[in-house]
Amino acid sequence: MEIRSNLARVKSLKVFLVMGALSTSFSCLPSYGEDLSDVEVHSFLSQGFINTTSNNYLTNSALGSFDFTEAGINFTKQLQDNLRVGIQLFSERLGPTQNFGINLDWAYLDYRWSDFLGFRFGKVKIPFGLYNDISDIDAARAPILLPQSVYPVQNRNYLLAQTGGEIYGYTGRGSLGALEYRFYGGTISLQVTNTPGSPVQVQSLDVPYVYGGRVMWETPLEGLRVGGTFQSLILNTTLLVGSTAVTAQIPALLWVGSVEFNKQDLLVAAECSRWDLTSQSSNAALFPTTSSISERAYVMAAYRVNKWLQPAAYFSILYPNIDNLAGPENQANDLSATLRFDVNQYWLIKVEGHYMRGTAALDTTLNNNMPLNSLSNNWGAFLVKTTGYF
């Protein structure tokens, strides 16, 4: 079964959210809101476990942690042949900074004028690389963690969705293949979270603008598509360092090149990405102006052996500053292997192992504020995750 076919199977959370969310979603559409019989409802509930041989990764994992819980519920309704609305509520706990708050993941009004041209407005998922669209859907992919060099779970709030508008379209299907495009612009709403004990506390986060797009070419070879993504944004923040407030501005330009072969039971994908970041602050002594270009890449394969077993593996690399590659703190290599077991059409279990070399992907605040170059260079991570969905 192809990974994209799993999208239709995503589902499970707590039903007590249903009526309240439906009322909120459609109260602004009284001419359609009385007929809820064709509202599509999908939900999911996941519980994971993380254990690392050394270093804390994503959470306090060195001793083993169950702080890896996700729950979501979404509703979509076809108002007319070319008009659709949707909303998803999401809650998670991952590490010490997430405590099951209910967030609006996405909410949109979609008008498709034709295959070639459509419009979406609201809080819309960002088309970033091949798989950002499914980063919130565990049942739609084989790995527990997508390659973290390109899809870092810590940056989910930055990358999943933007509030604004999008134009999209699809054309082709001829001898030269087909072309899909998506272009967007808006802002990103971010919640302020701070790790207890961190010497730097975030007081405010603001993204005044974000824009970008993705173009994918479905080649004449069945199952093969290639494409590119770009994203530009600016992040404004106020930090508290001790008793000193520091304002900072961080413009960012992100690029991704993608190739995927997805046919029958086999998926092979590779992506390379470049993130250009510059930071300027009001206090050069505490936060000097910096500029860095990071490079990120992975190659991944998955194969559906039968209806209940799908193994997958990937190798991912991260260099946070290509001008400085020396030392474990300036690189992260991740060799991962996953076994996905589909118990039935509503329940799956995944087991995953990672061999890590380098510490660039680690968070110092989760590791007693120790410098990254003092943490273990070679380490491993073991994850188990189960998801129920309908």
Protein backbone atom coordinates (compact mmCIF):
# COMPACT_ATOMS: atom_id res chain seq x y z
CA MET A 1 0.00 0.00 0.00
CA GLU A 2 1.40 3.39 -0.89
CA ILE A 3 2.05 5.90 1.88
CA ARG A 4 -0.30 8.40 0.29
CA SER A 5 -3.09 5.84 0.36
CA ASN A 6 -2.76 5.78 4.14
CA LEU A 7 -4.03 9.37 4.28
CA ALA A 8 -7.59 8.14 3.86
CA ARG A 9 -7.24 6.00 6.97
CA VAL A 10 -6.18 8.68 9.41
CA LYS A 11 -8.38 8.91 12.48
CA SER A 12 -9.26 8.57 16.56
CA LEU A 13 -9.51 11.11 19.58
CA LYS A 14 -12.15 11.79 22.16
CA VAL A 15 -15.70 12.18 20.96
CA PHE A 16 -16.58 14.85 23.54
CA LEU A 17 -14.87 17.43 21.29
CA VAL A 18 -17.09 16.68 18.30
CA MET A 19 -20.22 18.74 18.92
CA GLY A 20 -18.42 21.80 20.23
CA ALA A 21 -15.98 21.87 17.32
CA LEU A 22 -18.74 21.36 14.76
CA SER A 23 -20.74 24.22 16.21
CA THR A 24 -17.69 26.50 16.10
CA SER A 25 -16.72 25.42 12.60
CA PHE A 26 -20.02 25.91 10.86
CA SER A 27 -21.95 28.48 12.88
CA CYS A 28 -20.66 31.12 10.46
CA LEU A 29 -22.32 29.22 7.57
CA PRO A 30 -26.00 29.11 8.55
CA SER A 31 -27.24 28.18 5.10
CA TYR A 32 -25.23 24.95 5.24
CA GLY A 33 -24.82 24.34 8.97
CA GLU A 34 -28.21 22.66 9.46
CA ASP A 35 -27.18 19.62 7.42
CA LEU A 36 -24.32 17.87 9.19
CA SER A 37 -25.03 14.39 7.86
CA ASP A 38 -22.18 14.55 5.34
CA VAL A 39 -19.54 16.04 7.65
CA GLU A 40 -16.41 13.89 7.53
CA VAL A 41 -14.92 13.29 10.97
CA HIS A 42 -11.49 11.78 11.47
CA SER A 43 -9.58 11.44 14.72
CA PHE A 44 -6.42 9.94 16.18
CA LEU A 45 -4.78 9.29 19.53
CA SER A 46 -1.11 8.30 19.83
CA GLN A 47 1.09 7.31 22.73
CA GLY A 48 4.83 6.91 22.37
CA PHE A 49 7.88 5.98 24.43
CA ILE A 50 11.41 7.32 23.91
CA ASN A 51 14.63 5.97 25.42
CA THR A 52 18.19 7.01 24.57
CA THR A 53 21.49 5.41 25.47
CA SER A 54 22.83 8.82 26.48
CA ASN A 55 21.84 12.47 25.94
CA ASN A 56 18.27 13.67 26.34
CA TYR A 57 16.53 13.88 22.97
CA LEU A 58 13.18 15.65 22.47
CA THR A 59 12.33 14.97 26.12
CA ASN A 60 14.05 13.60 29.23
CA SER A 61 14.73 10.39 27.35
CA ALA A 62 17.94 9.08 28.92
CA LEU A 63 15.89 7.35 31.61
CA GLY A 64 13.02 6.57 29.25
CA SER A 65 10.01 8.83 28.81
CA PHE A 66 6.33 8.48 27.94
CA ASP A 67 6.09 12.25 27.34
CA PHE A 68 5.19 11.62 23.72
CA THR A 69 1.42 11.89 23.29
CA GLU A 70 -0.60 13.28 20.39
CA ALA A 71 -4.34 13.61 19.88
CA GLY A 72 -6.31 15.28 17.14
CA ILE A 73 -9.74 15.50 15.60
CA ASN A 74 -10.73 17.08 12.31
CA PHE A 75 -13.93 17.87 10.46
CA THR A 76 -14.45 18.61 6.78
CA LYS A 77 -17.61 19.35 4.83
CA GLN A 78 -18.27 19.74 1.12
CA LEU A 79 -20.55 22.77 0.94
CA GLN A 80 -20.81 22.76 -2.86
CA ASP A 81 -19.07 20.91 -5.66
CA ASN A 82 -16.23 23.44 -5.61
CA LEU A 83 -16.42 24.72 -2.00
CA ARG A 84 -15.09 22.93 1.07
CA VAL A 85 -14.34 23.80 4.71
CA GLY A 86 -12.22 22.01 7.29
CA ILE A 87 -10.80 22.32 10.80
CA GLN A 88 -8.48 20.30 13.04
CA LEU A 89 -7.94 20.52 16.79
CA PHE A 90 -4.69 19.09 18.13
CA SER A 91 -3.14 18.44 21.52
CA GLU A 92 0.23 16.99 22.43
CA ARG A 93 2.78 16.40 25.12
CA LEU A 94 6.39 16.16 23.98
CA GLY A 95 8.98 16.96 26.60
CA PRO A 96 8.61 19.48 29.42
CA THR A 97 7.15 22.34 27.34
CA GLN A 98 3.95 20.74 25.96
CA ASN A 99 1.12 20.02 28.39
CA PHE A 100 -1.94 18.98 26.41
CA GLY A 101 -3.21 22.43 25.49
CA ILE A 102 -5.82 22.29 22.71
CA ASN A 103 -4.60 24.12 19.61
CA LEU A 104 -6.21 24.98 16.31
CA ASP A 105 -3.93 23.09 13.91
CA TRP A 106 -5.61 24.20 10.71
CA ALA A 107 -8.91 25.66 9.54
CA TYR A 108 -9.65 26.62 5.96
CA LEU A 109 -12.19 27.58 3.33
CA ASP A 110 -11.27 26.00 -0.02
CA TYR A 111 -12.70 27.15 -3.34
CA ARG A 112 -11.61 25.15 -6.40
CA TRP A 113 -12.48 27.08 -9.55
CA SER A 114 -10.95 24.37 -11.76
CA ASP A 115 -8.22 21.73 -11.62
CA PHE A 116 -5.79 24.43 -12.70
CA LEU A 117 -6.78 27.07 -10.14
CA GLY A 118 -8.01 26.97 -6.57
CA PHE A 119 -7.90 29.16 -3.47
CA ARG A 120 -7.60 28.40 0.24
CA PHE A 121 -8.01 30.88 3.08
CA GLY A 122 -7.58 30.55 6.83
CA LYS A 123 -4.96 28.60 8.73
CA VAL A 124 -3.59 26.50 5.88
CA LYS A 125 -1.00 23.73 5.90
CA ILE A 126 2.37 24.77 4.49
CA PRO A 127 3.57 22.81 1.43
CA PHE A 128 7.16 22.27 2.58
CA GLY A 129 9.02 19.39 0.96
CA LEU A 130 7.30 16.09 0.29
CA TYR A 131 5.85 15.30 3.70
CA ASN A 132 5.17 18.41 5.76
CA ASP A 133 1.50 17.99 4.83
CA ILE A 134 1.39 14.68 6.72
CA SER A 135 3.73 15.54 9.60
CA ASP A 136 0.69 15.63 11.93
CA ILE A 137 -0.66 12.27 10.70
CA ASP A 138 1.13 9.27 12.15
CA ALA A 139 -0.96 6.77 10.16
CA ALA A 140 0.04 8.36 6.84
CA ARG A 141 3.71 7.38 7.02
CA ALA A 142 5.95 4.52 8.05
CA PRO A 143 8.51 6.20 10.40
CA ILE A 144 7.65 7.45 13.85
CA LEU A 145 9.92 10.43 13.27
CA LEU A 146 10.23 11.81 9.77
CA PRO A 147 13.88 12.62 8.92
CA GLN A 148 14.61 15.27 11.52
CA SER A 149 17.13 17.17 9.44
CA VAL A 150 14.33 18.38 7.12
CA TYR A 151 11.22 17.90 9.32
CA PRO A 152 12.35 18.70 12.90
CA VAL A 153 9.52 17.94 15.28
CA GLN A 154 10.67 20.80 17.53
CA ASN A 155 9.80 23.22 14.71
CA ARG A 156 6.33 21.82 14.09
CA ASN A 157 4.67 25.15 15.04
CA TYR A 158 6.87 27.00 12.56
CA LEU A 159 6.35 24.66 9.64
CA LEU A 160 2.92 23.01 9.82
CA ALA A 161 0.53 25.84 8.92
CA GLN A 162 0.32 29.56 8.19
CA THR A 163 -2.57 32.00 8.57
CA GLY A 164 -3.32 33.68 5.27
CA GLY A 165 -4.07 32.51 1.77
CA GLU A 166 -2.93 30.06 -0.87
CA ILE A 167 -3.43 29.51 -4.58
CA TYR A 168 -2.97 26.04 -6.01
CA GLY A 169 -3.52 24.06 -9.15
CA TYR A 170 -2.85 20.92 -11.13
CA THR A 171 -2.39 20.58 -14.86
CA GLY A 172 -1.03 18.14 -17.39
CA ARG A 173 -1.50 14.38 -17.54
CA GLY A 174 -0.04 14.41 -21.05
CA SER A 175 3.06 12.80 -22.50
CA LEU A 176 5.21 15.18 -20.44
CA GLY A 177 3.54 14.31 -17.17
CA ALA A 178 1.66 16.68 -14.86
CA LEU A 179 2.47 19.76 -12.79
CA GLU A 180 1.18 20.66 -9.34
CA TYR A 181 1.79 24.07 -7.77
CA ARG A 182 1.02 25.77 -4.45
CA PHE A 183 1.94 29.35 -3.48
CA TYR A 184 1.01 31.02 -0.20
CA GLY A 185 1.50 34.07 2.01
CA GLY A 186 0.49 35.10 5.51
CA THR A 187 1.75 34.95 9.08
CA ILE A 188 2.47 32.25 11.66
CA SER A 189 1.00 32.32 15.16
CA LEU A 190 3.42 30.96 17.73
CA GLN A 191 2.94 30.06 21.36
CA VAL A 192 5.65 31.01 23.84
CA THR A 193 7.07 27.99 25.67
CA ASN A 194 10.10 27.89 27.95
CA THR A 195 12.05 24.93 29.26
CA PRO A 196 12.31 25.09 33.06
CA GLY A 197 15.84 25.98 34.16
CA SER A 198 16.88 27.51 30.86
CA PRO A 199 19.14 30.59 31.30
CA VAL A 200 17.28 32.28 28.43
CA GLN A 201 13.51 32.78 28.66
CA VAL A 202 11.38 33.70 25.66
CA GLN A 203 8.97 36.57 26.38
CA SER A 204 7.44 36.99 22.93
CA LEU A 205 7.53 35.48 19.44
CA ASP A 206 6.13 37.06 16.30
CA VAL A 207 6.27 36.18 12.62
CA PRO A 208 5.07 39.30 10.74
CA TYR A 209 5.14 37.52 7.40
CA VAL A 210 5.82 34.22 5.70
CA TYR A 211 5.52 33.35 2.03
CA GLY A 212 6.63 30.53 -0.19
CA GLY A 213 5.59 27.81 -2.56
CA ARG A 214 6.13 24.35 -3.93
CA VAL A 215 6.12 23.02 -7.48
CA MET A 216 5.99 19.26 -8.13
CA TRP A 217 6.39 17.58 -11.51
CA GLU A 218 4.79 14.17 -11.91
CA THR A 219 7.04 12.72 -14.58
CA PRO A 220 5.93 10.41 -17.41
CA LEU A 221 7.47 7.54 -15.42
CA GLU A 222 4.61 6.30 -13.26
CA GLY A 223 5.23 6.93 -9.57
CA LEU A 224 8.17 9.32 -10.03
CA ARG A 225 7.83 12.96 -9.05
CA VAL A 226 10.40 15.70 -8.51
CA GLY A 227 10.05 19.24 -7.26
CA GLY A 228 11.26 22.18 -5.26
CA THR A 229 10.10 24.24 -2.28
CA PHE A 230 11.03 27.68 -0.98
CA GLN A 231 9.97 29.58 2.11
CA SER A 232 10.84 33.05 3.38
CA LEU A 233 9.93 34.38 6.81
CA ILE A 234 11.09 36.72 9.54
CA LEU A 235 10.99 35.96 13.27
CA ASN A 236 10.89 38.72 15.88
CA THR A 237 11.46 37.75 19.49
CA THR A 238 12.11 39.24 22.91
CA LEU A 239 14.35 37.23 25.23
CA LEU A 240 15.08 37.60 28.92
CA VAL A 241 18.70 36.81 29.76
CA GLY A 242 18.96 37.03 33.51
CA SER A 243 17.35 40.42 34.13
CA THR A 244 18.24 41.82 30.70
CA ALA A 245 15.65 41.98 27.92
CA VAL A 246 17.03 41.48 24.42
CA THR A 247 15.09 41.89 21.19
CA ALA A 248 16.17 39.91 18.13
CA GLN A 249 15.17 39.66 14.50
CA ILE A 250 15.86 36.53 12.47
CA PRO A 251 15.17 36.51 8.72
CA ALA A 252 15.18 33.01 7.20
CA LEU A 253 15.15 31.59 3.68
CA LEU A 254 14.55 27.86 3.30
CA TRP A 255 14.90 25.69 0.19
CA VAL A 256 14.12 22.02 -0.43
CA GLY A 257 14.76 19.84 -3.48
CA SER A 258 12.70 16.64 -3.59
CA VAL A 259 12.47 13.38 -5.51
CA GLU A 260 10.11 10.49 -4.79
CA PHE A 261 9.31 7.16 -6.41
CA ASN A 262 6.08 5.72 -5.02
CA LYS A 263 4.59 2.77 -6.87
CA GLN A 264 2.62 -0.18 -5.60
CA ASP A 265 4.28 -1.30 -2.34
CA LEU A 266 7.60 0.54 -2.73
CA LEU A 267 8.50 4.07 -1.67
CA VAL A 268 11.94 5.62 -2.22
CA ALA A 269 12.49 9.31 -1.48
CA ALA A 270 15.37 11.75 -1.11
CA GLU A 271 15.47 15.44 -0.23
CA CYS A 272 18.17 18.03 0.27
CA SER A 273 17.57 21.37 1.96
CA ARG A 274 19.36 24.62 2.67
CA TRP A 275 18.34 27.03 5.43
CA ASP A 276 19.84 30.52 5.36
CA LEU A 277 19.48 32.25 8.76
CA THR A 278 20.62 35.67 9.95
CA SER A 279 20.15 37.04 13.46
CA GLN A 280 20.42 40.62 14.69
CA SER A 281 19.82 41.68 18.29
CA SER A 282 19.62 44.80 20.43
CA ASN A 283 22.50 43.57 22.59
CA ALA A 284 25.52 42.51 20.55
CA ALA A 285 27.42 41.55 23.69
CA LEU A 286 24.87 38.90 24.65
CA PHE A 287 23.74 37.97 21.14
CA PRO A 288 26.14 39.07 18.41
CA THR A 289 24.96 39.31 14.83
CA THR A 290 25.35 35.96 13.12
CA SER A 291 24.74 34.51 9.69
CA SER A 292 24.75 30.83 8.89
CA ILE A 293 23.74 28.44 6.15
CA SER A 294 22.73 24.95 7.19
CA GLU A 295 22.54 21.96 4.88
CA ARG A 296 20.21 19.04 5.46
CA ALA A 297 19.46 15.89 3.48
CA TYR A 298 18.14 12.35 3.72
CA VAL A 299 17.38 9.25 1.67
CA MET A 300 14.50 7.01 2.74
CA ALA A 301 12.89 3.74 1.63
CA ALA A 302 9.78 1.87 2.74
CA TYR A 303 8.18 -1.33 1.50
CA ARG A 304 4.74 -2.75 2.20
CA VAL A 305 5.41 -6.48 2.70
CA ASN A 306 1.75 -7.27 3.34
CA LYS A 307 -1.31 -5.57 4.78
CA TRP A 308 0.06 -5.65 8.35
CA LEU A 309 3.84 -5.16 7.96
CA GLN A 310 5.79 -2.23 6.50
CA PRO A 311 9.54 -1.82 7.23
CA ALA A 312 11.28 1.48 6.51
CA ALA A 313 14.73 3.00 6.86
CA TYR A 314 16.45 6.30 6.25
CA PHE A 315 19.79 8.04 6.61
CA SER A 316 19.67 11.72 7.49
CA ILE A 317 22.41 14.35 7.82
CA LEU A 318 22.43 17.84 9.30
CA TYR A 319 25.16 20.48 9.20
CA PRO A 320 23.89 23.60 11.04
CA ASN A 321 26.69 25.80 9.66
CA ILE A 322 28.50 24.71 6.50
CA ASP A 323 31.33 27.13 7.30
CA ASN A 324 32.13 25.20 10.48
CA LEU A 325 31.97 21.41 10.22
CA ALA A 326 34.46 20.51 12.92
CA GLY A 327 33.34 18.83 16.12
CA PRO A 328 30.28 16.75 17.06
CA GLU A 329 28.25 19.90 17.83
CA ASN A 330 28.38 20.88 14.16
CA GLN A 331 26.87 17.74 12.65
CA ALA A 332 24.16 15.16 13.16
CA ASN A 333 24.00 11.83 11.34
CA ASP A 334 20.96 9.65 11.89
CA LEU A 335 20.58 6.07 10.67
CA SER A 336 17.03 4.90 11.37
CA ALA A 337 15.06 1.67 10.94
CA THR A 338 11.32 1.21 11.53
CA LEU A 339 8.82 -1.64 11.65
CA ARG A 340 5.19 -0.63 11.24
CA PHE A 341 2.52 -3.15 12.25
CA ASP A 342 -1.07 -2.47 11.16
CA VAL A 343 -3.03 -4.51 13.69
CA ASN A 344 -6.29 -3.62 11.97
CA GLN A 345 -7.80 -0.71 10.07
CA TYR A 346 -8.06 1.37 13.27
CA TRP A 347 -4.88 0.56 15.17
CA LEU A 348 -1.16 0.46 14.40
CA ILE A 349 2.07 -0.07 16.33
CA LYS A 350 5.54 1.14 15.34
CA VAL A 351 8.99 0.21 16.65
CA GLU A 352 11.96 2.34 15.65
CA GLY A 353 15.69 2.53 16.34
CA HIS A 354 18.20 5.29 15.60
CA TYR A 355 21.97 5.25 15.59
CA MET A 356 23.10 8.85 16.04
CA ARG A 357 26.49 10.42 15.48
CA GLY A 358 26.91 14.07 16.43
CA THR A 359 25.03 16.36 18.79
CA ALA A 360 23.81 19.21 16.55
CA ALA A 361 20.19 18.02 16.82
CA LEU A 362 20.18 18.10 20.63
CA ASP A 363 18.78 20.80 22.91
CA THR A 364 21.16 22.04 25.61
CA THR A 365 18.26 22.97 27.91
CA LEU A 366 17.24 19.30 28.04
CA ASN A 367 20.82 18.33 28.92
CA ASN A 368 21.48 20.42 32.03
CA ASN A 369 22.58 23.36 29.84
CA MET A 370 25.77 21.50 28.98
CA PRO A 371 27.61 22.58 25.80
CA LEU A 372 26.82 20.36 22.83
CA ASN A 373 30.49 19.47 22.37
CA SER A 374 30.56 17.91 25.85
CA LEU A 375 27.68 15.49 25.15
CA SER A 376 28.14 11.94 23.87
CA ASN A 377 29.06 11.90 20.19
CA ASN A 378 27.81 8.37 19.46
CA TRP A 379 24.44 7.47 20.92
CA GLY A 380 21.23 5.65 20.16
CA ALA A 381 17.49 6.20 20.44
CA PHE A 382 14.70 3.65 20.71
CA LEU A 383 11.04 4.57 20.15
CA VAL A 384 7.74 2.74 20.35
CA LYS A 385 4.47 4.35 19.32
CA THR A 386 0.90 3.15 19.03
CA THR A 387 -1.89 5.03 17.29
CA GLY A 388 -5.61 4.48 17.24
CA TYR A 389 -7.61 6.24 14.53
CA PHE A 390 -10.91 6.19 12.76
